[in-house]
Amino acid sequence: MSTGQLSAADLQVSGRLLSLALMTLSRVLTAHMAHQKRLEGAPDPFPSLDAHASPQAKSSEPFSTNSEALFPSLSPAAQNGHRAPSVAWAPAARAKPVLAPVYLESFALNQVEAVRRTKEGKPLSVSDIIKGVQTRFKVKVEISSQLKSSQTSFSVKGDSQANVDAAKKSLISDLSPVVSQFC
C-alpha cells in the first residue's frame, strides 16, 4: 500500500469521527438558536446613553445630600431618632502624648580605634564602648561607616543637651587613636 492511500479501517474511523463532529456541531447550533429565541423581546442590556433619559434626571428637585430618599440611613436607630448606644469595649478618647524635646549631635571620625581597656588590661570592642556610653548617659547612638573614605559617622540622640554633649565627648575620647610624639 502506498503512503497516499487509506485503508478501509482508516476510512471507517475517519467517517465515525466526522459524524461525531457533525452531531456535536448540530447540538451547539440548536442550543444557540434556542438561546437567541429566549432573548427576543428581552430588554437591551446595553442601552444607548442618549436614547432614553432617566425620569430622575428630568426632575427639577434640587440635589440634597441630606435627603433620606436618596441616601437612606443604614442604622435602624437613626431612623427612629434615637442615638446608637455606646459600646462598652470602644476605646475612650485618647489624650495626645506629650513629646519631650530630642537633642541630636552628629560627628565623624576618620579612624576608629578602641582605646579603653578592661580591668584585666584587655581592649574593649567598639560595640562594648558604645553600649557603655548609651547606658551611662541615657542616649541612643547610631553608627554608619563608609568603606571608601574609611570614615565612621556617629549620631547621638538624647533627652538633654548635657547628656548628648557628654556622650559625644566620651565617644571621641574612647574611640580616637592615641597619638604620641617621640623626640
Protein backbone atom coordinates (compact mmCIF):
# COMPACT_ATOMS: atom_id res chain seq x y z
CA MET A 1 0.00 0.00 0.00
CA SER A 2 1.37 3.43 -0.92
CA THR A 3 1.51 6.30 1.51
CA GLY A 4 -1.19 8.27 -0.31
CA GLN A 5 -3.88 5.56 0.03
CA LEU A 6 -6.01 4.93 3.14
CA SER A 7 -7.11 1.51 4.25
CA ALA A 8 -10.73 0.58 4.78
CA ALA A 9 -10.24 0.67 8.57
CA ASP A 10 -8.78 4.19 8.39
CA LEU A 11 -11.71 5.35 6.29
CA GLN A 12 -14.18 3.82 8.72
CA VAL A 13 -12.52 5.62 11.71
CA SER A 14 -12.45 8.90 9.79
CA GLY A 15 -16.13 8.51 8.95
CA ARG A 16 -17.04 7.92 12.59
CA LEU A 17 -15.03 10.99 13.70
CA LEU A 18 -16.72 13.11 11.03
CA SER A 19 -20.21 12.00 12.05
CA LEU A 20 -19.39 12.64 15.74
CA ALA A 21 -18.17 16.15 14.91
CA LEU A 22 -21.31 16.87 12.90
CA MET A 23 -23.59 15.70 15.75
CA THR A 24 -21.72 17.95 18.23
CA LEU A 25 -21.94 20.93 15.88
CA SER A 26 -25.66 20.31 15.39
CA ARG A 27 -26.26 20.28 19.17
CA VAL A 28 -24.29 23.54 19.67
CA LEU A 29 -26.23 25.27 16.88
CA THR A 30 -29.57 24.07 18.30
CA ALA A 31 -28.66 25.37 21.77
CA HIS A 32 -27.54 28.70 20.31
CA MET A 33 -30.77 29.14 18.35
CA ALA A 34 -32.85 28.33 21.45
CA HIS A 35 -30.87 30.92 23.41
CA GLN A 36 -31.43 33.55 20.69
CA LYS A 37 -35.18 32.83 20.73
CA ARG A 38 -35.31 33.36 24.51
CA LEU A 39 -33.54 36.72 24.16
CA GLU A 40 -36.01 38.04 21.59
CA GLY A 41 -38.19 40.63 23.28
CA ALA A 42 -35.88 40.96 26.32
CA PRO A 43 -34.73 44.49 27.14
CA ASP A 44 -31.36 45.54 25.74
CA PRO A 45 -28.71 45.01 28.45
CA PHE A 46 -26.60 47.83 26.96
CA PRO A 47 -28.99 50.66 26.03
CA SER A 48 -27.74 53.75 24.26
CA LEU A 49 -26.92 56.63 26.61
CA ASP A 50 -28.84 59.29 24.71
CA ALA A 51 -31.79 57.14 23.60
CA HIS A 52 -33.74 57.13 26.85
CA ALA A 53 -33.21 59.75 29.54
CA SER A 54 -34.00 58.53 33.04
CA PRO A 55 -37.07 60.02 34.74
CA GLN A 56 -34.98 61.05 37.76
CA ALA A 57 -32.70 63.17 35.60
CA LYS A 58 -35.71 65.19 34.35
CA SER A 59 -36.96 66.08 37.84
CA SER A 60 -36.42 69.67 38.85
CA GLU A 61 -35.81 68.89 42.54
CA PRO A 62 -32.50 70.21 43.84
CA PHE A 63 -29.96 67.56 44.76
CA SER A 64 -29.56 67.25 48.53
CA THR A 65 -27.15 65.02 50.43
CA ASN A 66 -29.50 65.20 53.44
CA SER A 67 -32.34 63.55 51.52
CA GLU A 68 -33.47 60.36 53.27
CA ALA A 69 -34.94 59.11 49.97
CA LEU A 70 -31.64 59.44 48.09
CA PHE A 71 -29.38 58.39 50.97
CA PRO A 72 -31.26 56.15 53.40
CA SER A 73 -29.75 55.58 56.81
CA LEU A 74 -28.05 52.25 57.38
CA SER A 75 -28.68 52.27 61.11
CA PRO A 76 -32.19 51.45 62.40
CA ALA A 77 -31.57 53.61 65.48
CA ALA A 78 -31.02 56.70 63.33
CA GLN A 79 -34.37 56.18 61.62
CA ASN A 80 -36.24 56.29 64.92
CA GLY A 81 -34.46 59.45 66.06
CA HIS A 82 -32.50 57.64 68.80
CA ARG A 83 -28.76 57.69 69.23
CA ALA A 84 -26.94 54.41 68.97
CA PRO A 85 -25.87 53.09 72.37
CA SER A 86 -22.21 53.44 73.19
CA VAL A 87 -20.28 50.23 73.17
CA ALA A 88 -18.53 49.23 76.39
CA TRP A 89 -15.42 47.99 74.60
CA ALA A 90 -14.96 51.09 72.44
CA PRO A 91 -11.73 52.98 73.11
CA ALA A 92 -12.02 56.14 75.15
CA ALA A 93 -10.86 59.44 73.73
CA ARG A 94 -7.10 59.45 73.82
CA ALA A 95 -5.03 62.35 75.00
CA LYS A 96 -2.23 63.44 72.73
CA PRO A 97 1.14 62.29 74.00
CA VAL A 98 3.46 64.95 75.28
CA LEU A 99 6.67 64.71 73.32
CA ALA A 100 9.89 65.59 75.08
CA PRO A 101 12.43 67.51 73.01
CA VAL A 102 15.10 65.36 71.41
CA TYR A 103 18.63 66.69 71.08
CA LEU A 104 20.79 65.40 68.25
CA GLU A 105 24.50 65.66 67.66
CA SER A 106 26.34 64.18 64.68
CA PHE A 107 30.06 63.87 64.11
CA ALA A 108 32.53 61.77 62.15
CA LEU A 109 35.88 60.16 62.95
CA ASN A 110 38.44 59.25 60.29
CA GLN A 111 39.89 56.39 62.30
CA VAL A 112 38.10 54.43 64.98
CA GLU A 113 40.23 52.57 67.45
CA ALA A 114 39.12 51.18 70.80
CA VAL A 115 41.37 52.91 73.36
CA ARG A 116 39.72 51.87 76.63
CA ARG A 117 40.70 48.64 78.30
CA THR A 118 39.04 46.38 80.85
CA LYS A 119 40.35 45.94 84.38
CA GLU A 120 42.29 42.92 83.15
CA GLY A 121 44.02 45.05 80.51
CA LYS A 122 42.15 43.66 77.50
CA PRO A 123 40.93 46.24 74.97
CA LEU A 124 37.16 46.80 74.80
CA SER A 125 35.39 46.33 71.46
CA VAL A 126 33.80 49.32 69.75
CA SER A 127 30.32 47.88 70.35
CA ASP A 128 31.05 47.48 74.09
CA ILE A 129 32.20 51.10 74.31
CA ILE A 130 29.05 52.32 72.53
CA LYS A 131 26.77 50.20 74.74
CA GLY A 132 28.50 51.62 77.84
CA VAL A 133 28.05 55.21 76.62
CA GLN A 134 24.36 54.56 75.88
CA THR A 135 23.67 53.21 79.38
CA ARG A 136 25.86 55.77 81.21
CA PHE A 137 24.41 58.87 79.54
CA LYS A 138 20.91 57.56 78.59
CA VAL A 139 21.34 58.34 74.90
CA LYS A 140 20.92 56.46 71.65
CA VAL A 141 23.93 56.14 69.36
CA GLU A 142 23.64 55.28 65.67
CA ILE A 143 26.73 54.44 63.63
CA SER A 144 27.41 54.30 59.91
CA SER A 145 30.69 53.55 58.15
CA GLN A 146 31.91 54.45 54.69
CA LEU A 147 34.41 51.96 53.36
CA LYS A 148 35.83 54.15 50.58
CA SER A 149 36.74 57.06 52.83
CA SER A 150 37.23 54.88 55.97
CA GLN A 151 35.17 57.44 57.85
CA THR A 152 32.74 56.49 60.62
CA SER A 153 29.76 58.76 61.36
CA PHE A 154 28.05 58.89 64.74
CA SER A 155 24.61 60.26 65.58
CA VAL A 156 23.85 60.76 69.27
CA LYS A 157 20.24 61.41 70.39
CA GLY A 158 19.13 62.18 73.92
CA ASP A 159 16.62 63.97 76.13
CA SER A 160 19.05 66.65 77.34
CA GLN A 161 21.79 68.58 75.60
CA ALA A 162 24.17 67.95 78.51
CA ASN A 163 23.83 64.14 78.14
CA VAL A 164 24.34 64.35 74.37
CA ASP A 165 27.45 66.51 74.76
CA ALA A 166 28.91 64.27 77.46
CA ALA A 167 28.25 61.14 75.36
CA LYS A 168 29.91 62.75 72.33
CA LYS A 169 32.97 63.70 74.38
CA SER A 170 33.20 60.19 75.81
CA LEU A 171 32.88 58.55 72.36
CA ILE A 172 35.55 60.78 70.85
CA SER A 173 37.98 60.12 73.71
CA ASP A 174 37.32 56.36 73.81
CA LEU A 175 37.40 55.74 70.03
CA SER A 176 40.06 58.15 68.74
CA PRO A 177 43.53 56.72 68.30
CA VAL A 178 46.21 57.92 70.70
CA VAL A 179 48.85 59.99 69.01
CA SER A 180 52.21 60.17 70.73
CA GLN A 181 55.29 62.03 69.61
CA PHE A 182 58.80 60.86 70.21
CA CYS A 183 61.50 63.44 70.12
